[in-house]
Amino acid sequence: MAYRYDEQMQPPEPRRVSDVAITTHEHVFEVDPRLMERWVLQQTFPNWDSLRIMNARGDHLAWMHRHFADSVVAGSEILADIEAEGADAATGAAP
């Protein structure tokens, strides 16, 4: 198996998906690197490593939940709580 530097070190052309996010590989969303240049130096690593990290996200999250989480709260529940607090504040009702 040959390692072709240009194939592995040059990700696909990025596609903008929002004001702050881009995507290169399918299902891989990243903060636009231009927004982070001042604070975080970007590392260059091979395409296969980006895909390896992306494919391991679920396993890593499951491990973190098993070891550190007493419960898992869905983001939609958090948003509903925030919206309810905002509605209560607007009407003067106690939460």
PDB file of N, CA and C in Angstrom:
ATOM      1  N   MET A   1       0.847  -1.161   0.000  1.00  0.00           N
ATOM      2  CA  MET A   1       0.000   0.000   0.000  1.00  0.00           C
ATOM      3  C   MET A   1       0.900   1.234   0.000  1.00  0.00           C
ATOM      4  N   ALA A   2       0.644   2.135  -0.883  1.00  0.00           N
ATOM      5  CA  ALA A   2       1.454   3.337  -1.010  1.00  0.00           C
ATOM      6  C   ALA A   2       0.777   4.500  -0.295  1.00  0.00           C
ATOM      7  N   TYR A   3       1.566   5.343   0.297  1.00  0.00           N
ATOM      8  CA  TYR A   3       1.061   6.549   0.930  1.00  0.00           C
ATOM      9  C   TYR A   3       1.271   7.696  -0.042  1.00  0.00           C
ATOM     10  N   ARG A   4       0.196   8.305  -0.449  1.00  0.00           N
ATOM     11  CA  ARG A   4       0.271   9.431  -1.376  1.00  0.00           C
ATOM     12  C   ARG A   4       0.001  10.713  -0.597  1.00  0.00           C
ATOM     13  N   TYR A   5       1.054  11.451  -0.335  1.00  0.00           N
ATOM     14  CA  TYR A   5       0.976  12.628   0.508  1.00  0.00           C
ATOM     15  C   TYR A   5      -0.114  13.589   0.049  1.00  0.00           C
ATOM     16  N   ASP A   6      -0.149  13.924  -1.228  1.00  0.00           N
ATOM     17  CA  ASP A   6      -1.135  14.888  -1.725  1.00  0.00           C
ATOM     18  C   ASP A   6      -2.568  14.411  -1.519  1.00  0.00           C
ATOM     19  N   GLU A   7      -2.808  13.115  -1.667  1.00  0.00           N
ATOM     20  CA  GLU A   7      -4.154  12.577  -1.484  1.00  0.00           C
ATOM     21  C   GLU A   7      -4.571  12.628  -0.017  1.00  0.00           C
ATOM     22  N   GLN A   8      -3.642  12.390   0.872  1.00  0.00           N
ATOM     23  CA  GLN A   8      -3.978  12.300   2.287  1.00  0.00           C
ATOM     24  C   GLN A   8      -3.910  13.630   3.033  1.00  0.00           C
ATOM     25  N   MET A   9      -3.115  14.543   2.575  1.00  0.00           N
ATOM     26  CA  MET A   9      -2.935  15.789   3.314  1.00  0.00           C
ATOM     27  C   MET A   9      -3.760  16.947   2.747  1.00  0.00           C
ATOM     28  N   GLN A  10      -4.477  16.723   1.686  1.00  0.00           N
ATOM     29  CA  GLN A  10      -5.312  17.763   1.095  1.00  0.00           C
ATOM     30  C   GLN A  10      -6.770  17.333   1.212  1.00  0.00           C
ATOM     31  N   PRO A  11      -7.527  17.893   2.177  1.00  0.00           N
ATOM     32  CA  PRO A  11      -8.932  17.487   2.297  1.00  0.00           C
ATOM     33  C   PRO A  11      -9.736  17.979   1.101  1.00  0.00           C
ATOM     34  N   PRO A  12     -10.910  17.415   0.905  1.00  0.00           N
ATOM     35  CA  PRO A  12     -11.772  17.900  -0.173  1.00  0.00           C
ATOM     36  C   PRO A  12     -12.055  19.394  -0.002  1.00  0.00           C
ATOM     37  N   GLU A  13     -12.427  20.031  -1.060  1.00  0.00           N
ATOM     38  CA  GLU A  13     -12.738  21.460  -1.025  1.00  0.00           C
ATOM     39  C   GLU A  13     -13.842  21.716   0.002  1.00  0.00           C
ATOM     40  N   PRO A  14     -13.633  22.653   0.919  1.00  0.00           N
ATOM     41  CA  PRO A  14     -14.668  22.911   1.940  1.00  0.00           C
ATOM     42  C   PRO A  14     -15.912  23.536   1.327  1.00  0.00           C
ATOM     43  N   ARG A  15     -17.037  23.225   1.937  1.00  0.00           N
ATOM     44  CA  ARG A  15     -18.323  23.785   1.521  1.00  0.00           C
ATOM     45  C   ARG A  15     -18.931  24.488   2.731  1.00  0.00           C
ATOM     46  N   ARG A  16     -19.332  25.734   2.558  1.00  0.00           N
ATOM     47  CA  ARG A  16     -19.906  26.507   3.669  1.00  0.00           C
ATOM     48  C   ARG A  16     -21.306  25.987   3.964  1.00  0.00           C
ATOM     49  N   VAL A  17     -21.599  25.736   5.256  1.00  0.00           N
ATOM     50  CA  VAL A  17     -22.935  25.298   5.643  1.00  0.00           C
ATOM     51  C   VAL A  17     -23.643  26.317   6.533  1.00  0.00           C
ATOM     52  N   SER A  18     -22.885  27.261   7.089  1.00  0.00           N
ATOM     53  CA  SER A  18     -23.470  28.375   7.847  1.00  0.00           C
ATOM     54  C   SER A  18     -22.426  29.486   7.923  1.00  0.00           C
ATOM     55  N   ASP A  19     -22.746  30.538   8.654  1.00  0.00           N
ATOM     56  CA  ASP A  19     -21.800  31.651   8.788  1.00  0.00           C
ATOM     57  C   ASP A  19     -20.518  31.234   9.494  1.00  0.00           C
ATOM     58  N   VAL A  20     -20.600  30.198  10.323  1.00  0.00           N
ATOM     59  CA  VAL A  20     -19.445  29.818  11.136  1.00  0.00           C
ATOM     60  C   VAL A  20     -18.958  28.388  10.895  1.00  0.00           C
ATOM     61  N   ALA A  21     -19.626  27.652  10.031  1.00  0.00           N
ATOM     62  CA  ALA A  21     -19.270  26.239   9.855  1.00  0.00           C
ATOM     63  C   ALA A  21     -19.015  25.891   8.396  1.00  0.00           C
ATOM     64  N   ILE A  22     -18.130  24.915   8.216  1.00  0.00           N
ATOM     65  CA  ILE A  22     -17.849  24.351   6.894  1.00  0.00           C
ATOM     66  C   ILE A  22     -17.911  22.839   7.001  1.00  0.00           C
ATOM     67  N   THR A  23     -17.968  22.193   5.867  1.00  0.00           N
ATOM     68  CA  THR A  23     -17.881  20.738   5.833  1.00  0.00           C
ATOM     69  C   THR A  23     -16.925  20.361   4.709  1.00  0.00           C
ATOM     70  N   THR A  24     -16.136  19.347   4.968  1.00  0.00           N
ATOM     71  CA  THR A  24     -15.236  18.837   3.936  1.00  0.00           C
ATOM     72  C   THR A  24     -15.655  17.420   3.581  1.00  0.00           C
ATOM     73  N   HIS A  25     -15.507  16.516   4.520  1.00  0.00           N
ATOM     74  CA  HIS A  25     -15.959  15.139   4.323  1.00  0.00           C
ATOM     75  C   HIS A  25     -17.435  15.057   4.713  1.00  0.00           C
ATOM     76  N   GLU A  26     -18.154  14.114   4.141  1.00  0.00           N
ATOM     77  CA  GLU A  26     -19.568  13.958   4.451  1.00  0.00           C
ATOM     78  C   GLU A  26     -19.760  13.741   5.956  1.00  0.00           C
ATOM     79  N   HIS A  27     -20.677  14.485   6.545  1.00  0.00           N
ATOM     80  CA  HIS A  27     -21.013  14.405   7.971  1.00  0.00           C
ATOM     81  C   HIS A  27     -19.907  14.920   8.888  1.00  0.00           C
ATOM     82  N   VAL A  28     -18.924  15.634   8.360  1.00  0.00           N
ATOM     83  CA  VAL A  28     -17.875  16.228   9.190  1.00  0.00           C
ATOM     84  C   VAL A  28     -18.037  17.738   9.119  1.00  0.00           C
ATOM     85  N   PHE A  29     -18.515  18.315  10.207  1.00  0.00           N
ATOM     86  CA  PHE A  29     -18.735  19.757  10.273  1.00  0.00           C
ATOM     87  C   PHE A  29     -17.656  20.363  11.167  1.00  0.00           C
ATOM     88  N   GLU A  30     -17.119  21.488  10.738  1.00  0.00           N
ATOM     89  CA  GLU A  30     -16.038  22.134  11.461  1.00  0.00           C
ATOM     90  C   GLU A  30     -16.319  23.622  11.576  1.00  0.00           C
ATOM     91  N   VAL A  31     -15.793  24.218  12.656  1.00  0.00           N
ATOM     92  CA  VAL A  31     -15.816  25.672  12.744  1.00  0.00           C
ATOM     93  C   VAL A  31     -14.904  26.180  11.634  1.00  0.00           C
ATOM     94  N   ASP A  32     -15.350  27.213  10.947  1.00  0.00           N
ATOM     95  CA  ASP A  32     -14.541  27.789   9.876  1.00  0.00           C
ATOM     96  C   ASP A  32     -13.172  28.164  10.447  1.00  0.00           C
ATOM     97  N   PRO A  33     -12.097  27.559   9.949  1.00  0.00           N
ATOM     98  CA  PRO A  33     -10.758  27.813  10.497  1.00  0.00           C
ATOM     99  C   PRO A  33     -10.366  29.287  10.514  1.00  0.00           C
ATOM    100  N   ARG A  34     -10.904  30.070   9.601  1.00  0.00           N
ATOM    101  CA  ARG A  34     -10.578  31.507   9.579  1.00  0.00           C
ATOM    102  C   ARG A  34     -11.033  32.204  10.858  1.00  0.00           C
ATOM    103  N   LEU A  35     -12.083  31.680  11.505  1.00  0.00           N
ATOM    104  CA  LEU A  35     -12.594  32.287  12.729  1.00  0.00           C
ATOM    105  C   LEU A  35     -11.724  31.955  13.938  1.00  0.00           C
ATOM    106  N   MET A  36     -10.846  30.990  13.796  1.00  0.00           N
ATOM    107  CA  MET A  36     -10.037  30.554  14.930  1.00  0.00           C
ATOM    108  C   MET A  36      -8.563  30.906  14.785  1.00  0.00           C
ATOM    109  N   GLU A  37      -8.168  31.485  13.678  1.00  0.00           N
ATOM    110  CA  GLU A  37      -6.745  31.749  13.425  1.00  0.00           C
ATOM    111  C   GLU A  37      -6.077  32.545  14.541  1.00  0.00           C
ATOM    112  N   ARG A  38      -6.796  33.459  15.114  1.00  0.00           N
ATOM    113  CA  ARG A  38      -6.196  34.322  16.134  1.00  0.00           C
ATOM    114  C   ARG A  38      -5.915  33.560  17.427  1.00  0.00           C
ATOM    115  N   TRP A  39      -6.740  32.576  17.766  1.00  0.00           N
ATOM    116  CA  TRP A  39      -6.664  31.925  19.071  1.00  0.00           C
ATOM    117  C   TRP A  39      -6.122  30.504  19.024  1.00  0.00           C
ATOM    118  N   VAL A  40      -6.379  29.794  17.955  1.00  0.00           N
ATOM    119  CA  VAL A  40      -6.016  28.377  17.898  1.00  0.00           C
ATOM    120  C   VAL A  40      -5.291  28.091  16.589  1.00  0.00           C
ATOM    121  N   LEU A  41      -4.067  27.626  16.684  1.00  0.00           N
ATOM    122  CA  LEU A  41      -3.346  27.240  15.476  1.00  0.00           C
ATOM    123  C   LEU A  41      -3.907  25.917  14.970  1.00  0.00           C
ATOM    124  N   GLN A  42      -4.208  25.866  13.694  1.00  0.00           N
ATOM    125  CA  GLN A  42      -4.783  24.663  13.118  1.00  0.00           C
ATOM    126  C   GLN A  42      -3.696  23.634  12.839  1.00  0.00           C
ATOM    127  N   GLN A  43      -3.976  22.405  13.201  1.00  0.00           N
ATOM    128  CA  GLN A  43      -3.043  21.316  12.920  1.00  0.00           C
ATOM    129  C   GLN A  43      -3.381  20.716  11.562  1.00  0.00           C
ATOM    130  N   THR A  44      -2.352  20.263  10.894  1.00  0.00           N
ATOM    131  CA  THR A  44      -2.557  19.562   9.636  1.00  0.00           C
ATOM    132  C   THR A  44      -2.381  18.081   9.911  1.00  0.00           C
ATOM    133  N   PHE A  45      -3.392  17.306   9.590  1.00  0.00           N
ATOM    134  CA  PHE A  45      -3.261  15.871   9.726  1.00  0.00           C
ATOM    135  C   PHE A  45      -4.004  15.190   8.593  1.00  0.00           C
ATOM    136  N   PRO A  46      -3.715  13.930   8.358  1.00  0.00           N
ATOM    137  CA  PRO A  46      -4.242  13.244   7.165  1.00  0.00           C
ATOM    138  C   PRO A  46      -5.762  13.084   7.158  1.00  0.00           C
ATOM    139  N   ASN A  47      -6.309  12.981   5.963  1.00  0.00           N
ATOM    140  CA  ASN A  47      -7.748  12.775   5.793  1.00  0.00           C
ATOM    141  C   ASN A  47      -8.231  11.544   6.536  1.00  0.00           C
ATOM    142  N   TRP A  48      -7.457  10.458   6.491  1.00  0.00           N
ATOM    143  CA  TRP A  48      -7.899   9.240   7.161  1.00  0.00           C
ATOM    144  C   TRP A  48      -8.022   9.464   8.661  1.00  0.00           C
ATOM    145  N   ASP A  49      -7.225  10.368   9.237  1.00  0.00           N
ATOM    146  CA  ASP A  49      -7.312  10.633  10.668  1.00  0.00           C
ATOM    147  C   ASP A  49      -8.565  11.446  10.995  1.00  0.00           C
ATOM    148  N   SER A  50      -8.921  12.387  10.129  1.00  0.00           N
ATOM    149  CA  SER A  50     -10.170  13.134  10.317  1.00  0.00           C
ATOM    150  C   SER A  50     -11.356  12.173  10.325  1.00  0.00           C
ATOM    151  N   LEU A  51     -11.353  11.251   9.382  1.00  0.00           N
ATOM    152  CA  LEU A  51     -12.456  10.290   9.288  1.00  0.00           C
ATOM    153  C   LEU A  51     -12.448   9.316  10.467  1.00  0.00           C
ATOM    154  N   ARG A  52     -11.265   8.935  10.935  1.00  0.00           N
ATOM    155  CA  ARG A  52     -11.156   8.045  12.099  1.00  0.00           C
ATOM    156  C   ARG A  52     -11.752   8.716  13.328  1.00  0.00           C
ATOM    157  N   ILE A  53     -11.399   9.974  13.539  1.00  0.00           N
ATOM    158  CA  ILE A  53     -11.913  10.716  14.684  1.00  0.00           C
ATOM    159  C   ILE A  53     -13.431  10.855  14.575  1.00  0.00           C
ATOM    160  N   MET A  54     -13.915  11.216  13.391  1.00  0.00           N
ATOM    161  CA  MET A  54     -15.347  11.381  13.200  1.00  0.00           C
ATOM    162  C   MET A  54     -16.099  10.075  13.456  1.00  0.00           C
ATOM    163  N   ASN A  55     -15.562   8.975  12.974  1.00  0.00           N
ATOM    164  CA  ASN A  55     -16.238   7.691  13.150  1.00  0.00           C
ATOM    165  C   ASN A  55     -16.183   7.182  14.584  1.00  0.00           C
ATOM    166  N   ALA A  56     -15.269   7.716  15.403  1.00  0.00           N
ATOM    167  CA  ALA A  56     -15.137   7.272  16.790  1.00  0.00           C
ATOM    168  C   ALA A  56     -15.936   8.144  17.762  1.00  0.00           C
ATOM    169  N   ARG A  57     -16.604   9.185  17.271  1.00  0.00           N
ATOM    170  CA  ARG A  57     -17.321  10.104  18.168  1.00  0.00           C
ATOM    171  C   ARG A  57     -18.354   9.392  19.028  1.00  0.00           C
ATOM    172  N   GLY A  58     -19.135   8.523  18.417  1.00  0.00           N
ATOM    173  CA  GLY A  58     -20.182   7.822  19.165  1.00  0.00           C
ATOM    174  C   GLY A  58     -19.615   6.950  20.261  1.00  0.00           C
ATOM    175  N   ASP A  59     -18.550   6.224  19.963  1.00  0.00           N
ATOM    176  CA  ASP A  59     -17.911   5.377  20.972  1.00  0.00           C
ATOM    177  C   ASP A  59     -17.361   6.209  22.120  1.00  0.00           C
ATOM    178  N   HIS A  60     -16.728   7.327  21.784  1.00  0.00           N
ATOM    179  CA  HIS A  60     -16.161   8.195  22.824  1.00  0.00           C
ATOM    180  C   HIS A  60     -17.266   8.770  23.709  1.00  0.00           C
ATOM    181  N   LEU A  61     -18.351   9.241  23.100  1.00  0.00           N
ATOM    182  CA  LEU A  61     -19.451   9.800  23.867  1.00  0.00           C
ATOM    183  C   LEU A  61     -20.080   8.738  24.772  1.00  0.00           C
ATOM    184  N   ALA A  62     -20.255   7.528  24.252  1.00  0.00           N
ATOM    185  CA  ALA A  62     -20.806   6.441  25.066  1.00  0.00           C
ATOM    186  C   ALA A  62     -19.890   6.139  26.252  1.00  0.00           C
ATOM    187  N   TRP A  63     -18.584   6.136  26.025  1.00  0.00           N
ATOM    188  CA  TRP A  63     -17.633   5.888  27.108  1.00  0.00           C
ATOM    189  C   TRP A  63     -17.735   6.985  28.164  1.00  0.00           C
ATOM    190  N   MET A  64     -17.793   8.238  27.723  1.00  0.00           N
ATOM    191  CA  MET A  64     -17.907   9.352  28.673  1.00  0.00           C
ATOM    192  C   MET A  64     -19.187   9.230  29.495  1.00  0.00           C
ATOM    193  N   HIS A  65     -20.291   8.868  28.860  1.00  0.00           N
ATOM    194  CA  HIS A  65     -21.557   8.708  29.586  1.00  0.00           C
ATOM    195  C   HIS A  65     -21.454   7.592  30.619  1.00  0.00           C
ATOM    196  N   ARG A  66     -20.848   6.465  30.240  1.00  0.00           N
ATOM    197  CA  ARG A  66     -20.717   5.343  31.174  1.00  0.00           C
ATOM    198  C   ARG A  66     -19.863   5.717  32.382  1.00  0.00           C
ATOM    199  N   HIS A  67     -18.865   6.533  32.172  1.00  0.00           N
ATOM    200  CA  HIS A  67     -17.918   6.815  33.247  1.00  0.00           C
ATOM    201  C   HIS A  67     -18.209   8.087  34.042  1.00  0.00           C
ATOM    202  N   PHE A  68     -18.897   9.051  33.472  1.00  0.00           N
ATOM    203  CA  PHE A  68     -19.018  10.334  34.150  1.00  0.00           C
ATOM    204  C   PHE A  68     -20.437  10.875  34.276  1.00  0.00           C
ATOM    205  N   ALA A  69     -21.389  10.338  33.555  1.00  0.00           N
ATOM    206  CA  ALA A  69     -22.729  10.933  33.560  1.00  0.00           C
ATOM    207  C   ALA A  69     -23.671  10.179  34.488  1.00  0.00           C
ATOM    208  N   ASP A  70     -24.343  10.922  35.372  1.00  0.00           N
ATOM    209  CA  ASP A  70     -25.398  10.317  36.184  1.00  0.00           C
ATOM    210  C   ASP A  70     -26.660  10.172  35.350  1.00  0.00           C
ATOM    211  N   SER A  71     -26.832  11.105  34.413  1.00  0.00           N
ATOM    212  CA  SER A  71     -27.962  11.038  33.492  1.00  0.00           C
ATOM    213  C   SER A  71     -27.571  11.763  32.210  1.00  0.00           C
ATOM    214  N   VAL A  72     -28.299  11.485  31.160  1.00  0.00           N
ATOM    215  CA  VAL A  72     -28.055  12.137  29.879  1.00  0.00           C
ATOM    216  C   VAL A  72     -29.294  12.967  29.563  1.00  0.00           C
ATOM    217  N   VAL A  73     -29.086  14.248  29.302  1.00  0.00           N
ATOM    218  CA  VAL A  73     -30.192  15.156  29.037  1.00  0.00           C
ATOM    219  C   VAL A  73     -30.132  15.562  27.571  1.00  0.00           C
ATOM    220  N   ALA A  74     -31.250  15.408  26.889  1.00  0.00           N
ATOM    221  CA  ALA A  74     -31.313  15.788  25.474  1.00  0.00           C
ATOM    222  C   ALA A  74     -31.263  17.304  25.348  1.00  0.00           C
ATOM    223  N   GLY A  75     -30.630  17.775  24.293  1.00  0.00           N
ATOM    224  CA  GLY A  75     -30.556  19.210  24.039  1.00  0.00           C
ATOM    225  C   GLY A  75     -31.932  19.840  23.927  1.00  0.00           C
ATOM    226  N   SER A  76     -32.892  19.095  23.377  1.00  0.00           N
ATOM    227  CA  SER A  76     -34.249  19.638  23.231  1.00  0.00           C
ATOM    228  C   SER A  76     -34.886  19.905  24.600  1.00  0.00           C
ATOM    229  N   GLU A  77     -34.554  19.078  25.607  1.00  0.00           N
ATOM    230  CA  GLU A  77     -35.073  19.311  26.961  1.00  0.00           C
ATOM    231  C   GLU A  77     -34.494  20.595  27.547  1.00  0.00           C
ATOM    232  N   ILE A  78     -33.214  20.809  27.331  1.00  0.00           N
ATOM    233  CA  ILE A  78     -32.562  22.014  27.839  1.00  0.00           C
ATOM    234  C   ILE A  78     -33.182  23.251  27.182  1.00  0.00           C
ATOM    235  N   LEU A  79     -33.366  23.198  25.855  1.00  0.00           N
ATOM    236  CA  LEU A  79     -33.975  24.334  25.155  1.00  0.00           C
ATOM    237  C   LEU A  79     -35.397  24.596  25.641  1.00  0.00           C
ATOM    238  N   ALA A  80     -36.170  23.543  25.885  1.00  0.00           N
ATOM    239  CA  ALA A  80     -37.540  23.708  26.385  1.00  0.00           C
ATOM    240  C   ALA A  80     -37.527  24.371  27.760  1.00  0.00           C
ATOM    241  N   ASP A  81     -36.588  23.977  28.628  1.00  0.00           N
ATOM    242  CA  ASP A  81     -36.480  24.599  29.950  1.00  0.00           C
ATOM    243  C   ASP A  81     -36.130  26.080  29.831  1.00  0.00           C
ATOM    244  N   ILE A  82     -35.197  26.408  28.953  1.00  0.00           N
ATOM    245  CA  ILE A  82     -34.792  27.803  28.758  1.00  0.00           C
ATOM    246  C   ILE A  82     -35.968  28.622  28.241  1.00  0.00           C
ATOM    247  N   GLU A  83     -36.706  28.077  27.275  1.00  0.00           N
ATOM    248  CA  GLU A  83     -37.861  28.795  26.731  1.00  0.00           C
ATOM    249  C   GLU A  83     -38.940  28.984  27.795  1.00  0.00           C
ATOM    250  N   ALA A  84     -39.148  27.959  28.632  1.00  0.00           N
ATOM    251  CA  ALA A  84     -40.151  28.064  29.700  1.00  0.00           C
ATOM    252  C   ALA A  84     -39.738  29.129  30.710  1.00  0.00           C
ATOM    253  N   GLU A  85     -38.452  29.179  31.063  1.00  0.00           N
ATOM    254  CA  GLU A  85     -37.978  30.214  31.988  1.00  0.00           C
ATOM    255  C   GLU A  85     -38.173  31.599  31.389  1.00  0.00           C
ATOM    256  N   GLY A  86     -37.904  31.731  30.089  1.00  0.00           N
ATOM    257  CA  GLY A  86     -38.108  33.019  29.427  1.00  0.00           C
ATOM    258  C   GLY A  86     -39.561  33.423  29.429  1.00  0.00           C
ATOM    259  N   ALA A  87     -40.460  32.470  29.203  1.00  0.00           N
ATOM    260  CA  ALA A  87     -41.895  32.760  29.207  1.00  0.00           C
ATOM    261  C   ALA A  87     -42.357  33.128  30.611  1.00  0.00           C
ATOM    262  N   ASP A  88     -41.835  32.424  31.634  1.00  0.00           N
ATOM    263  CA  ASP A  88     -42.180  32.732  33.013  1.00  0.00           C
ATOM    264  C   ASP A  88     -41.705  34.128  33.391  1.00  0.00           C
ATOM    265  N   ALA A  89     -40.514  34.479  32.962  1.00  0.00           N
ATOM    266  CA  ALA A  89     -39.960  35.800  33.274  1.00  0.00           C
ATOM    267  C   ALA A  89     -40.793  36.893  32.610  1.00  0.00           C
ATOM    268  N   ALA A  90     -41.290  36.626  31.422  1.00  0.00           N
ATOM    269  CA  ALA A  90     -42.063  37.621  30.677  1.00  0.00           C
ATOM    270  C   ALA A  90     -43.433  37.849  31.330  1.00  0.00           C
ATOM    271  N   THR A  91     -43.999  36.787  31.920  1.00  0.00           N
ATOM    272  CA  THR A  91     -45.316  36.912  32.545  1.00  0.00           C
ATOM    273  C   THR A  91     -45.225  37.198  34.040  1.00  0.00           C
ATOM    274  N   GLY A  92     -44.012  37.092  34.608  1.00  0.00           N
ATOM    275  CA  GLY A  92     -43.832  37.334  36.040  1.00  0.00           C
ATOM    276  C   GLY A  92     -44.154  36.127  36.896  1.00  0.00           C
ATOM    277  N   ALA A  93     -44.398  34.983  36.262  1.00  0.00           N
ATOM    278  CA  ALA A  93     -44.717  33.764  37.014  1.00  0.00           C
ATOM    279  C   ALA A  93     -43.439  33.161  37.582  1.00  0.00           C
ATOM    280  N   ALA A  94     -43.578  32.448  38.694  1.00  0.00           N
ATOM    281  CA  ALA A  94     -42.430  31.768  39.300  1.00  0.00           C
ATOM    282  C   ALA A  94     -42.133  30.503  38.519  1.00  0.00           C
ATOM    283  N   PRO A  95     -40.854  30.151  38.353  1.00  0.00           N
ATOM    284  CA  PRO A  95     -40.501  28.940  37.590  1.00  0.00           C
ATOM    285  C   PRO A  95     -40.904  27.673  38.287  1.00  0.00           C
TER     286      PRO A  95
END
